[in-house]
Amino acid sequence: MQVNYFVIGVVILLGLALLIFLILRNRKDEKDFEKDQLDDNDITNPQDPSKD
């Protein structure tokens, strides 16, 4: 049985590219989520209705 190293190399390269893509996308989504959480002050600092 012969091993085709070119095909194995391409598969490994595509797998690494997919892994890097997913990591970068996760970081971007995490930053967006944290930004949304910081902008949402109504939930983190609810106002007292009796002060209105």
Protein backbone atom coordinates (compact mmCIF):
# COMPACT_ATOMS: atom_id res chain seq x y z
CA MET A 1 0.00 0.00 0.00
CA GLN A 2 1.44 3.35 -1.04
CA VAL A 3 1.00 6.50 0.99
CA ASN A 4 0.21 9.65 -0.95
CA TYR A 5 2.00 12.31 1.10
CA PHE A 6 0.70 15.13 -1.09
CA VAL A 7 -2.94 14.33 -0.24
CA ILE A 8 -2.11 13.95 3.46
CA GLY A 9 -0.33 17.32 3.39
CA VAL A 10 -3.29 19.04 1.74
CA VAL A 11 -5.73 17.55 4.26
CA ILE A 12 -3.55 18.66 7.20
CA LEU A 13 -3.17 22.14 5.69
CA LEU A 14 -6.95 22.49 5.22
CA GLY A 15 -7.53 21.27 8.76
CA LEU A 16 -5.14 23.87 10.17
CA ALA A 17 -6.75 26.60 8.07
CA LEU A 18 -10.18 25.63 9.41
CA LEU A 19 -8.89 25.61 12.99
CA ILE A 20 -7.31 29.05 12.64
CA PHE A 21 -10.48 30.41 11.02
CA LEU A 22 -12.66 29.13 13.88
CA ILE A 23 -10.33 30.53 16.55
CA LEU A 24 -10.24 33.98 14.94
CA ARG A 25 -14.00 34.01 14.46
CA ASN A 26 -14.55 33.01 18.09
CA ARG A 27 -12.32 35.85 19.31
CA LYS A 28 -14.24 38.35 17.18
CA ASP A 29 -17.59 37.08 18.44
CA GLU A 30 -16.35 37.17 22.03
CA LYS A 31 -15.24 40.81 21.67
CA ASP A 32 -18.61 41.74 20.17
CA PHE A 33 -20.40 39.97 23.02
CA GLU A 34 -18.35 41.78 25.67
CA LYS A 35 -18.99 45.11 23.94
CA ASP A 36 -22.74 44.43 23.92
CA GLN A 37 -22.64 43.54 27.61
CA LEU A 38 -20.85 46.77 28.48
CA ASP A 39 -23.31 48.85 26.44
CA ASP A 40 -26.33 47.27 28.14
CA ASN A 41 -26.45 49.27 31.37
CA ASP A 42 -30.16 48.70 32.07
CA ILE A 43 -29.60 45.10 33.03
CA THR A 44 -26.35 45.53 34.93
CA ASN A 45 -27.47 48.69 36.81
CA PRO A 46 -31.25 48.57 37.23
CA GLN A 47 -32.76 51.80 38.42
CA ASP A 48 -34.95 51.97 41.48
CA PRO A 49 -38.55 52.59 40.34
CA SER A 50 -39.34 54.50 43.54
CA LYS A 51 -36.82 57.23 42.59
CA ASP A 52 -38.78 58.15 39.43
